[in-house]
Amino acid sequence: MQMCGVFQALGQNVFHQLVRGISIGKLKTYQVYERFKVRAHLIKLNSESLRKAEPKFWARIEGGDEEFATDLSQVFLLSHLDMIVEILNFLGIPNDQGFFDKDLKPEQYLTEGWQQRVFDQFAAKYPREILLFYINHLDWELNKTDQVFLPAA
């Protein structure tokens, strides 16, 4: 599954909340503000322009724009690095402020049922949408999975 598929499987409501959670300050801190503004086809990048552009973003996701989906996923993740660090530490994955070696062998860290354990541990602390997105992104990135995790009801 590609990143567009992850977004589509999580649904438009989750996507909506992810867009609302973008931190302009963190984009500037990590020097992706200008790059994302260009990739998003925005003249101005602020909360209002993001809100107005959200339907166009979703149309690009539905249209299979994988490069945009990958850039957008990075924007979502950078906006929530504190959560990422906590989750990686919880899983025991060696990381440097939320960034880990891309050649990491995940088998020892992502054991059976890890997604539900992470969800249960952090569901009360972080918004459901970003938590679900990160769990699925981590699984997609490390395990190259075709499955989308949705927690047990």
C-alpha atoms as a PDB file:
ATOM      1  CA  MET A   1       0.000   0.000   0.000  1.00  0.00           C
ATOM      2  CA  GLN A   2       1.206   3.489  -0.721  1.00  0.00           C
ATOM      3  CA  MET A   3       0.773   6.569   1.478  1.00  0.00           C
ATOM      4  CA  CYS A   4      -2.331   7.737  -0.425  1.00  0.00           C
ATOM      5  CA  GLY A   5      -3.868   4.380   0.443  1.00  0.00           C
ATOM      6  CA  VAL A   6      -3.102   4.867   4.133  1.00  0.00           C
ATOM      7  CA  PHE A   7      -4.813   8.275   4.111  1.00  0.00           C
ATOM      8  CA  GLN A   8      -7.802   6.916   2.197  1.00  0.00           C
ATOM      9  CA  ALA A   9      -8.160   3.920   4.519  1.00  0.00           C
ATOM     10  CA  LEU A  10      -8.140   6.190   7.579  1.00  0.00           C
ATOM     11  CA  GLY A  11     -10.760   8.382   5.899  1.00  0.00           C
ATOM     12  CA  GLN A  12     -11.531  12.003   5.209  1.00  0.00           C
ATOM     13  CA  ASN A  13     -12.526  12.809   8.813  1.00  0.00           C
ATOM     14  CA  VAL A  14      -9.129  11.677  10.120  1.00  0.00           C
ATOM     15  CA  PHE A  15      -7.447  13.605   7.306  1.00  0.00           C
ATOM     16  CA  HIS A  16      -9.404  16.727   8.277  1.00  0.00           C
ATOM     17  CA  GLN A  17      -8.144  16.537  11.857  1.00  0.00           C
ATOM     18  CA  LEU A  18      -4.579  15.901  10.691  1.00  0.00           C
ATOM     19  CA  VAL A  19      -4.620  19.048   8.556  1.00  0.00           C
ATOM     20  CA  ARG A  20      -5.980  21.040  11.505  1.00  0.00           C
ATOM     21  CA  GLY A  21      -3.089  19.775  13.635  1.00  0.00           C
ATOM     22  CA  ILE A  22      -0.325  21.136  11.400  1.00  0.00           C
ATOM     23  CA  SER A  23       2.114  23.301  13.343  1.00  0.00           C
ATOM     24  CA  ILE A  24       3.382  26.190  11.213  1.00  0.00           C
ATOM     25  CA  GLY A  25       6.031  26.903  13.848  1.00  0.00           C
ATOM     26  CA  LYS A  26       7.458  23.383  13.648  1.00  0.00           C
ATOM     27  CA  LEU A  27       7.530  23.560   9.842  1.00  0.00           C
ATOM     28  CA  LYS A  28       9.646  26.696  10.149  1.00  0.00           C
ATOM     29  CA  THR A  29      11.845  25.153  12.847  1.00  0.00           C
ATOM     30  CA  TYR A  30      12.610  22.111  10.687  1.00  0.00           C
ATOM     31  CA  GLN A  31      12.977  24.275   7.565  1.00  0.00           C
ATOM     32  CA  VAL A  32      10.215  22.624   5.543  1.00  0.00           C
ATOM     33  CA  TYR A  33       7.846  25.611   5.577  1.00  0.00           C
ATOM     34  CA  GLU A  34       8.782  26.988   2.131  1.00  0.00           C
ATOM     35  CA  ARG A  35       9.070  23.563   0.496  1.00  0.00           C
ATOM     36  CA  PHE A  36       5.666  22.528   1.748  1.00  0.00           C
ATOM     37  CA  LYS A  37       4.103  25.845   0.766  1.00  0.00           C
ATOM     38  CA  VAL A  38       5.265  25.246  -2.816  1.00  0.00           C
ATOM     39  CA  ARG A  39       4.250  21.546  -2.842  1.00  0.00           C
ATOM     40  CA  ALA A  40       0.828  22.463  -1.458  1.00  0.00           C
ATOM     41  CA  HIS A  41       0.370  25.130  -4.157  1.00  0.00           C
ATOM     42  CA  LEU A  42      -0.262  27.815  -1.555  1.00  0.00           C
ATOM     43  CA  ILE A  43       0.635  31.489  -1.857  1.00  0.00           C
ATOM     44  CA  LYS A  44       0.395  31.885   1.901  1.00  0.00           C
ATOM     45  CA  LEU A  45       0.815  29.123   4.471  1.00  0.00           C
ATOM     46  CA  ASN A  46      -1.237  29.680   7.607  1.00  0.00           C
ATOM     47  CA  SER A  47      -4.112  27.960   9.384  1.00  0.00           C
ATOM     48  CA  GLU A  48      -6.734  29.715   7.259  1.00  0.00           C
ATOM     49  CA  SER A  49      -5.106  28.810   3.930  1.00  0.00           C
ATOM     50  CA  LEU A  50      -4.653  25.216   5.103  1.00  0.00           C
ATOM     51  CA  ARG A  51      -8.323  24.998   6.083  1.00  0.00           C
ATOM     52  CA  LYS A  52      -9.409  26.360   2.707  1.00  0.00           C
ATOM     53  CA  ALA A  53      -7.012  24.097   0.789  1.00  0.00           C
ATOM     54  CA  GLU A  54      -8.006  20.923   2.596  1.00  0.00           C
ATOM     55  CA  PRO A  55     -10.550  19.786  -0.071  1.00  0.00           C
ATOM     56  CA  LYS A  56      -7.864  20.225  -2.753  1.00  0.00           C
ATOM     57  CA  PHE A  57      -5.393  18.270  -0.627  1.00  0.00           C
ATOM     58  CA  TRP A  58      -7.909  15.447  -0.273  1.00  0.00           C
ATOM     59  CA  ALA A  59      -8.570  15.466  -4.028  1.00  0.00           C
ATOM     60  CA  ARG A  60      -4.821  15.074  -4.616  1.00  0.00           C
ATOM     61  CA  ILE A  61      -4.759  12.140  -2.185  1.00  0.00           C
ATOM     62  CA  GLU A  62      -7.733  10.529  -3.931  1.00  0.00           C
ATOM     63  CA  GLY A  63      -5.989  11.155  -7.255  1.00  0.00           C
ATOM     64  CA  GLY A  64      -2.969   9.165  -6.089  1.00  0.00           C
ATOM     65  CA  ASP A  65      -0.408  11.986  -5.826  1.00  0.00           C
ATOM     66  CA  GLU A  66       2.146   9.944  -3.854  1.00  0.00           C
ATOM     67  CA  GLU A  67       4.814  12.647  -3.743  1.00  0.00           C
ATOM     68  CA  PHE A  68       2.340  15.057  -2.185  1.00  0.00           C
ATOM     69  CA  ALA A  69       1.072  12.370   0.203  1.00  0.00           C
ATOM     70  CA  THR A  70       4.637  11.680   1.349  1.00  0.00           C
ATOM     71  CA  ASP A  71       5.358  15.390   1.862  1.00  0.00           C
ATOM     72  CA  LEU A  72       2.086  15.840   3.714  1.00  0.00           C
ATOM     73  CA  SER A  73       2.795  12.873   5.965  1.00  0.00           C
ATOM     74  CA  GLN A  74       6.145  14.428   6.906  1.00  0.00           C
ATOM     75  CA  VAL A  75       4.372  17.701   7.756  1.00  0.00           C
ATOM     76  CA  PHE A  76       1.930  15.828  10.005  1.00  0.00           C
ATOM     77  CA  LEU A  77       4.755  13.940  11.707  1.00  0.00           C
ATOM     78  CA  LEU A  78       6.969  16.994  12.253  1.00  0.00           C
ATOM     79  CA  SER A  79       4.000  18.704  13.855  1.00  0.00           C
ATOM     80  CA  HIS A  80       3.838  15.932  16.485  1.00  0.00           C
ATOM     81  CA  LEU A  81       7.457  14.993  17.167  1.00  0.00           C
ATOM     82  CA  ASP A  82       6.902  14.898  20.933  1.00  0.00           C
ATOM     83  CA  MET A  83       4.386  12.077  20.471  1.00  0.00           C
ATOM     84  CA  ILE A  84       6.693  10.239  18.084  1.00  0.00           C
ATOM     85  CA  VAL A  85       9.587  10.316  20.550  1.00  0.00           C
ATOM     86  CA  GLU A  86       7.341   8.926  23.294  1.00  0.00           C
ATOM     87  CA  ILE A  87       6.020   6.127  21.076  1.00  0.00           C
ATOM     88  CA  LEU A  88       9.470   5.133  19.822  1.00  0.00           C
ATOM     89  CA  ASN A  89      10.786   5.119  23.393  1.00  0.00           C
ATOM     90  CA  PHE A  90       7.771   3.054  24.504  1.00  0.00           C
ATOM     91  CA  LEU A  91       8.538   0.519  21.766  1.00  0.00           C
ATOM     92  CA  GLY A  92      12.257   0.562  22.616  1.00  0.00           C
ATOM     93  CA  ILE A  93      13.221   1.773  19.134  1.00  0.00           C
ATOM     94  CA  PRO A  94      16.553   3.631  19.250  1.00  0.00           C
ATOM     95  CA  ASN A  95      15.993   7.190  18.010  1.00  0.00           C
ATOM     96  CA  ASP A  96      17.480  10.641  17.944  1.00  0.00           C
ATOM     97  CA  GLN A  97      14.632  13.003  18.893  1.00  0.00           C
ATOM     98  CA  GLY A  98      12.119  10.969  16.891  1.00  0.00           C
ATOM     99  CA  PHE A  99      14.354  10.062  13.975  1.00  0.00           C
ATOM    100  CA  PHE A 100      15.640   6.510  13.607  1.00  0.00           C
ATOM    101  CA  ASP A 101      17.956   4.620  11.282  1.00  0.00           C
ATOM    102  CA  LYS A 102      16.054   3.825   8.089  1.00  0.00           C
ATOM    103  CA  ASP A 103      17.829   0.443   7.925  1.00  0.00           C
ATOM    104  CA  LEU A 104      16.421  -0.520  11.318  1.00  0.00           C
ATOM    105  CA  LYS A 105      15.283  -4.126  11.564  1.00  0.00           C
ATOM    106  CA  PRO A 106      11.831  -3.780  13.178  1.00  0.00           C
ATOM    107  CA  GLU A 107      11.154  -7.394  14.180  1.00  0.00           C
ATOM    108  CA  GLN A 108      12.495  -7.059  17.722  1.00  0.00           C
ATOM    109  CA  TYR A 109      10.529  -3.858  18.376  1.00  0.00           C
ATOM    110  CA  LEU A 110       7.271  -4.324  16.488  1.00  0.00           C
ATOM    111  CA  THR A 111       6.147  -7.588  18.003  1.00  0.00           C
ATOM    112  CA  GLU A 112       2.690  -9.116  17.700  1.00  0.00           C
ATOM    113  CA  GLY A 113      -0.009  -6.674  18.823  1.00  0.00           C
ATOM    114  CA  TRP A 114       2.293  -3.641  19.031  1.00  0.00           C
ATOM    115  CA  GLN A 115      -0.224  -1.351  17.311  1.00  0.00           C
ATOM    116  CA  GLN A 116      -2.965  -1.998  19.872  1.00  0.00           C
ATOM    117  CA  ARG A 117      -0.479  -1.645  22.768  1.00  0.00           C
ATOM    118  CA  VAL A 118       0.661   1.741  21.442  1.00  0.00           C
ATOM    119  CA  PHE A 119      -2.918   2.862  20.880  1.00  0.00           C
ATOM    120  CA  ASP A 120      -3.969   1.791  24.381  1.00  0.00           C
ATOM    121  CA  GLN A 121      -0.943   3.477  25.978  1.00  0.00           C
ATOM    122  CA  PHE A 122      -1.343   6.845  24.236  1.00  0.00           C
ATOM    123  CA  ALA A 123      -5.049   7.155  23.363  1.00  0.00           C
ATOM    124  CA  ALA A 124      -5.811   9.299  26.400  1.00  0.00           C
ATOM    125  CA  LYS A 125      -2.834  11.588  25.802  1.00  0.00           C
ATOM    126  CA  TYR A 126      -2.903  12.354  22.065  1.00  0.00           C
ATOM    127  CA  PRO A 127      -5.637  13.000  19.503  1.00  0.00           C
ATOM    128  CA  ARG A 128      -6.940   9.748  18.046  1.00  0.00           C
ATOM    129  CA  GLU A 129      -6.337  10.885  14.465  1.00  0.00           C
ATOM    130  CA  ILE A 130      -2.611  11.639  14.748  1.00  0.00           C
ATOM    131  CA  LEU A 131      -2.066   8.551  16.883  1.00  0.00           C
ATOM    132  CA  LEU A 132      -3.745   6.314  14.294  1.00  0.00           C
ATOM    133  CA  PHE A 133      -1.855   8.020  11.510  1.00  0.00           C
ATOM    134  CA  TYR A 134       1.513   7.540  13.195  1.00  0.00           C
ATOM    135  CA  ILE A 135       0.879   3.901  14.094  1.00  0.00           C
ATOM    136  CA  ASN A 136      -0.023   3.198  10.468  1.00  0.00           C
ATOM    137  CA  HIS A 137       2.826   5.312   9.119  1.00  0.00           C
ATOM    138  CA  LEU A 138       5.360   3.498  11.311  1.00  0.00           C
ATOM    139  CA  ASP A 139       3.984   0.122  10.207  1.00  0.00           C
ATOM    140  CA  TRP A 140       4.034   1.254   6.567  1.00  0.00           C
ATOM    141  CA  GLU A 141       7.577   2.590   6.851  1.00  0.00           C
ATOM    142  CA  LEU A 142       9.175  -0.287   8.767  1.00  0.00           C
ATOM    143  CA  ASN A 143       7.077  -3.312   7.835  1.00  0.00           C
ATOM    144  CA  LYS A 144       5.930  -2.224   4.356  1.00  0.00           C
ATOM    145  CA  THR A 145       2.489  -3.450   5.390  1.00  0.00           C
ATOM    146  CA  ASP A 146      -0.605  -3.456   3.209  1.00  0.00           C
ATOM    147  CA  GLN A 147      -2.878  -3.510   6.254  1.00  0.00           C
ATOM    148  CA  VAL A 148      -4.300  -0.475   8.021  1.00  0.00           C
ATOM    149  CA  PHE A 149      -4.616  -0.658  11.786  1.00  0.00           C
ATOM    150  CA  LEU A 150      -7.894   0.463  13.313  1.00  0.00           C
ATOM    151  CA  PRO A 151      -8.227  -0.225  17.051  1.00  0.00           C
ATOM    152  CA  ALA A 152     -10.605  -2.754  18.494  1.00  0.00           C
ATOM    153  CA  ALA A 153     -13.853  -1.108  19.523  1.00  0.00           C
END
